[in-house]
């Protein structure tokens, strides 16, 4: 039996509203990436590599929020399409560092602009100070949950 007042009011629940916002953001990103022949995971992988060349498959999987197996399948497709390169043999240990090719850099540049436009639309009613505050608040939420 639940206690009075223990029920979550969804319209005021930060967790629920964050999930709704994340779902709407992903849908809007899919809408702009689909015409580019990309998925959100495909874009995330390329964006991670653009910002941090040489990441391993495991690091990319964590950064894109997918399994290692899913990332390996994606990397094989990206390599086949000429968007990334990976050495045939591990450089150290079992890690195969991945890097973007020139074609991969071109694709991520176009996709980044499309995703940036979606994010700008999402926070369009916020001025620069509120945007900075939103980012700080979200980082604080993540930090608090990682400390728990």
C-alpha atoms as a PDB file:
ATOM      1  CA  UNK A   1       0.000   0.000   0.000  1.00  0.00           C
ATOM      2  CA  UNK A   2       1.461   3.388  -0.939  1.00  0.00           C
ATOM      3  CA  UNK A   3       1.623   6.308   1.439  1.00  0.00           C
ATOM      4  CA  UNK A   4      -0.224   9.539   0.742  1.00  0.00           C
ATOM      5  CA  UNK A   5       1.982  11.948  -1.181  1.00  0.00           C
ATOM      6  CA  UNK A   6       4.339   9.169  -2.278  1.00  0.00           C
ATOM      7  CA  UNK A   7       3.014   9.212  -5.842  1.00  0.00           C
ATOM      8  CA  UNK A   8       5.196  10.979  -8.419  1.00  0.00           C
ATOM      9  CA  UNK A   9       3.527  13.916 -10.148  1.00  0.00           C
ATOM     10  CA  UNK A  10       4.756  13.368 -13.703  1.00  0.00           C
ATOM     11  CA  UNK A  11       4.227  16.963 -14.830  1.00  0.00           C
ATOM     12  CA  UNK A  12       6.667  18.104 -12.129  1.00  0.00           C
ATOM     13  CA  UNK A  13       9.013  15.087 -12.060  1.00  0.00           C
ATOM     14  CA  UNK A  14      12.556  16.036 -13.191  1.00  0.00           C
ATOM     15  CA  UNK A  15      13.341  12.438 -14.144  1.00  0.00           C
ATOM     16  CA  UNK A  16      10.184  12.013 -16.205  1.00  0.00           C
ATOM     17  CA  UNK A  17      10.568  15.385 -17.936  1.00  0.00           C
ATOM     18  CA  UNK A  18      14.215  14.618 -18.689  1.00  0.00           C
ATOM     19  CA  UNK A  19      13.169  11.331 -20.298  1.00  0.00           C
ATOM     20  CA  UNK A  20      10.483  13.110 -22.346  1.00  0.00           C
ATOM     21  CA  UNK A  21      13.044  15.715 -23.467  1.00  0.00           C
ATOM     22  CA  UNK A  22      15.594  13.012 -24.339  1.00  0.00           C
ATOM     23  CA  UNK A  23      13.010  11.124 -26.367  1.00  0.00           C
ATOM     24  CA  UNK A  24      11.946  14.264 -28.246  1.00  0.00           C
ATOM     25  CA  UNK A  25      15.583  15.178 -28.889  1.00  0.00           C
ATOM     26  CA  UNK A  26      16.412  11.728 -30.238  1.00  0.00           C
ATOM     27  CA  UNK A  27      13.370  11.787 -32.521  1.00  0.00           C
ATOM     28  CA  UNK A  28      14.288  15.230 -33.874  1.00  0.00           C
ATOM     29  CA  UNK A  29      17.896  14.103 -34.393  1.00  0.00           C
ATOM     30  CA  UNK A  30      16.718  10.996 -36.261  1.00  0.00           C
ATOM     31  CA  UNK A  31      14.596  13.226 -38.507  1.00  0.00           C
ATOM     32  CA  UNK A  32      17.597  15.332 -39.581  1.00  0.00           C
ATOM     33  CA  UNK A  33      20.079  12.449 -39.754  1.00  0.00           C
ATOM     34  CA  UNK A  34      17.905  10.047 -41.771  1.00  0.00           C
ATOM     35  CA  UNK A  35      18.239  12.066 -45.027  1.00  0.00           C
ATOM     36  CA  UNK A  36      22.018  11.932 -44.514  1.00  0.00           C
ATOM     37  CA  UNK A  37      21.860   8.129 -44.352  1.00  0.00           C
ATOM     38  CA  UNK A  38      22.760   8.123 -40.668  1.00  0.00           C
ATOM     39  CA  UNK A  39      21.320   6.968 -37.358  1.00  0.00           C
ATOM     40  CA  UNK A  40      21.878   8.676 -34.016  1.00  0.00           C
ATOM     41  CA  UNK A  41      24.345   5.923 -33.060  1.00  0.00           C
ATOM     42  CA  UNK A  42      26.200   6.310 -36.377  1.00  0.00           C
ATOM     43  CA  UNK A  43      26.422  10.072 -35.804  1.00  0.00           C
ATOM     44  CA  UNK A  44      27.454   9.647 -32.160  1.00  0.00           C
ATOM     45  CA  UNK A  45      30.292   7.327 -33.152  1.00  0.00           C
ATOM     46  CA  UNK A  46      31.617   9.729 -35.789  1.00  0.00           C
ATOM     47  CA  UNK A  47      31.264  12.745 -33.480  1.00  0.00           C
ATOM     48  CA  UNK A  48      33.157  10.954 -30.711  1.00  0.00           C
ATOM     49  CA  UNK A  49      35.948  10.104 -33.159  1.00  0.00           C
ATOM     50  CA  UNK A  50      36.058  13.667 -34.470  1.00  0.00           C
ATOM     51  CA  UNK A  51      36.598  14.950 -30.953  1.00  0.00           C
ATOM     52  CA  UNK A  52      38.756  12.093 -29.648  1.00  0.00           C
ATOM     53  CA  UNK A  53      40.560  10.224 -32.442  1.00  0.00           C
ATOM     54  CA  UNK A  54      41.892   6.784 -31.621  1.00  0.00           C
ATOM     55  CA  UNK A  55      39.112   5.589 -29.325  1.00  0.00           C
ATOM     56  CA  UNK A  56      38.657   1.846 -29.029  1.00  0.00           C
ATOM     57  CA  UNK A  57      35.454   0.022 -29.867  1.00  0.00           C
ATOM     58  CA  UNK A  58      34.665  -0.338 -26.158  1.00  0.00           C
ATOM     59  CA  UNK A  59      35.176   3.376 -25.534  1.00  0.00           C
ATOM     60  CA  UNK A  60      32.978   4.235 -28.502  1.00  0.00           C
ATOM     61  CA  UNK A  61      30.266   1.848 -27.280  1.00  0.00           C
ATOM     62  CA  UNK A  62      30.227   3.509 -23.853  1.00  0.00           C
ATOM     63  CA  UNK A  63      30.157   6.983 -25.398  1.00  0.00           C
ATOM     64  CA  UNK A  64      27.321   6.104 -27.770  1.00  0.00           C
ATOM     65  CA  UNK A  65      25.348   4.135 -25.134  1.00  0.00           C
ATOM     66  CA  UNK A  66      25.298   0.863 -27.077  1.00  0.00           C
ATOM     67  CA  UNK A  67      26.733  -2.606 -26.523  1.00  0.00           C
ATOM     68  CA  UNK A  68      30.241  -3.491 -27.673  1.00  0.00           C
ATOM     69  CA  UNK A  69      28.737  -5.967 -30.100  1.00  0.00           C
ATOM     70  CA  UNK A  70      26.517  -3.293 -31.677  1.00  0.00           C
ATOM     71  CA  UNK A  71      29.469  -0.930 -31.935  1.00  0.00           C
ATOM     72  CA  UNK A  72      31.617  -3.586 -33.591  1.00  0.00           C
ATOM     73  CA  UNK A  73      28.920  -4.156 -36.226  1.00  0.00           C
ATOM     74  CA  UNK A  74      28.658  -0.397 -36.806  1.00  0.00           C
ATOM     75  CA  UNK A  75      32.441   0.033 -37.032  1.00  0.00           C
ATOM     76  CA  UNK A  76      32.685  -2.751 -39.602  1.00  0.00           C
ATOM     77  CA  UNK A  77      30.054  -0.985 -41.714  1.00  0.00           C
ATOM     78  CA  UNK A  78      31.740   2.410 -41.293  1.00  0.00           C
ATOM     79  CA  UNK A  79      35.086   0.883 -42.250  1.00  0.00           C
ATOM     80  CA  UNK A  80      33.548  -0.835 -45.292  1.00  0.00           C
ATOM     81  CA  UNK A  81      32.002   2.525 -46.319  1.00  0.00           C
ATOM     82  CA  UNK A  82      35.383   4.247 -46.022  1.00  0.00           C
ATOM     83  CA  UNK A  83      34.425   6.510 -43.101  1.00  0.00           C
ATOM     84  CA  UNK A  84      36.800   5.089 -40.477  1.00  0.00           C
ATOM     85  CA  UNK A  85      40.085   3.216 -40.444  1.00  0.00           C
ATOM     86  CA  UNK A  86      41.354   0.702 -37.914  1.00  0.00           C
ATOM     87  CA  UNK A  87      44.642  -1.178 -37.905  1.00  0.00           C
ATOM     88  CA  UNK A  88      44.609  -4.842 -38.891  1.00  0.00           C
ATOM     89  CA  UNK A  89      46.500  -5.779 -35.718  1.00  0.00           C
ATOM     90  CA  UNK A  90      46.235  -4.263 -32.232  1.00  0.00           C
ATOM     91  CA  UNK A  91      48.766  -1.526 -31.527  1.00  0.00           C
ATOM     92  CA  UNK A  92      48.932  -2.456 -27.848  1.00  0.00           C
ATOM     93  CA  UNK A  93      47.065  -5.207 -26.037  1.00  0.00           C
ATOM     94  CA  UNK A  94      43.847  -5.987 -27.898  1.00  0.00           C
ATOM     95  CA  UNK A  95      42.813  -2.412 -28.675  1.00  0.00           C
ATOM     96  CA  UNK A  96      42.168  -1.359 -32.262  1.00  0.00           C
ATOM     97  CA  UNK A  97      42.170   2.457 -32.231  1.00  0.00           C
ATOM     98  CA  UNK A  98      39.699   3.955 -34.695  1.00  0.00           C
ATOM     99  CA  UNK A  99      40.115   7.165 -36.680  1.00  0.00           C
ATOM    100  CA  UNK A 100      38.011   9.052 -39.175  1.00  0.00           C
ATOM    101  CA  UNK A 101      38.954   9.172 -42.832  1.00  0.00           C
ATOM    102  CA  UNK A 102      38.557  12.374 -44.857  1.00  0.00           C
ATOM    103  CA  UNK A 103      35.128  11.098 -45.965  1.00  0.00           C
ATOM    104  CA  UNK A 104      34.212  10.460 -42.330  1.00  0.00           C
ATOM    105  CA  UNK A 105      35.269  13.985 -41.351  1.00  0.00           C
ATOM    106  CA  UNK A 106      33.132  15.430 -44.154  1.00  0.00           C
ATOM    107  CA  UNK A 107      30.115  13.362 -43.109  1.00  0.00           C
ATOM    108  CA  UNK A 108      30.384  14.281 -39.444  1.00  0.00           C
ATOM    109  CA  UNK A 109      30.734  17.984 -40.311  1.00  0.00           C
ATOM    110  CA  UNK A 110      27.416  17.944 -42.183  1.00  0.00           C
ATOM    111  CA  UNK A 111      25.713  15.871 -39.476  1.00  0.00           C
ATOM    112  CA  UNK A 112      27.072  18.061 -36.664  1.00  0.00           C
ATOM    113  CA  UNK A 113      25.564  21.137 -38.269  1.00  0.00           C
ATOM    114  CA  UNK A 114      22.187  19.383 -38.554  1.00  0.00           C
ATOM    115  CA  UNK A 115      22.288  18.197 -34.933  1.00  0.00           C
ATOM    116  CA  UNK A 116      23.417  21.635 -33.731  1.00  0.00           C
ATOM    117  CA  UNK A 117      20.349  23.134 -35.437  1.00  0.00           C
ATOM    118  CA  UNK A 118      18.114  20.675 -33.554  1.00  0.00           C
ATOM    119  CA  UNK A 119      19.758  21.559 -30.241  1.00  0.00           C
ATOM    120  CA  UNK A 120      19.450  25.270 -31.022  1.00  0.00           C
ATOM    121  CA  UNK A 121      15.733  24.768 -31.709  1.00  0.00           C
ATOM    122  CA  UNK A 122      15.374  22.864 -28.433  1.00  0.00           C
ATOM    123  CA  UNK A 123      16.811  25.720 -26.361  1.00  0.00           C
ATOM    124  CA  UNK A 124      15.666  28.506 -28.674  1.00  0.00           C
ATOM    125  CA  UNK A 125      13.603  30.238 -26.001  1.00  0.00           C
ATOM    126  CA  UNK A 126      16.569  30.363 -23.615  1.00  0.00           C
ATOM    127  CA  UNK A 127      19.071  33.185 -23.579  1.00  0.00           C
ATOM    128  CA  UNK A 128      22.811  32.449 -23.303  1.00  0.00           C
ATOM    129  CA  UNK A 129      22.889  32.638 -19.473  1.00  0.00           C
ATOM    130  CA  UNK A 130      19.966  30.191 -19.201  1.00  0.00           C
ATOM    131  CA  UNK A 131      21.610  27.835 -21.708  1.00  0.00           C
ATOM    132  CA  UNK A 132      24.806  27.840 -19.637  1.00  0.00           C
ATOM    133  CA  UNK A 133      22.777  27.264 -16.479  1.00  0.00           C
ATOM    134  CA  UNK A 134      20.906  24.364 -18.104  1.00  0.00           C
ATOM    135  CA  UNK A 135      24.183  22.691 -19.049  1.00  0.00           C
ATOM    136  CA  UNK A 136      25.531  23.233 -15.531  1.00  0.00           C
ATOM    137  CA  UNK A 137      22.364  21.817 -13.961  1.00  0.00           C
ATOM    138  CA  UNK A 138      22.428  18.732 -16.200  1.00  0.00           C
ATOM    139  CA  UNK A 139      26.105  18.139 -15.390  1.00  0.00           C
ATOM    140  CA  UNK A 140      25.242  18.441 -11.701  1.00  0.00           C
ATOM    141  CA  UNK A 141      22.488  15.837 -12.088  1.00  0.00           C
ATOM    142  CA  UNK A 142      24.880  13.423 -13.793  1.00  0.00           C
ATOM    143  CA  UNK A 143      27.561  13.989 -11.156  1.00  0.00           C
ATOM    144  CA  UNK A 144      25.093  13.429  -8.300  1.00  0.00           C
ATOM    145  CA  UNK A 145      23.944  10.126  -9.777  1.00  0.00           C
ATOM    146  CA  UNK A 146      27.491   8.937 -10.433  1.00  0.00           C
ATOM    147  CA  UNK A 147      28.431   9.662  -6.817  1.00  0.00           C
ATOM    148  CA  UNK A 148      25.521   7.634  -5.441  1.00  0.00           C
END
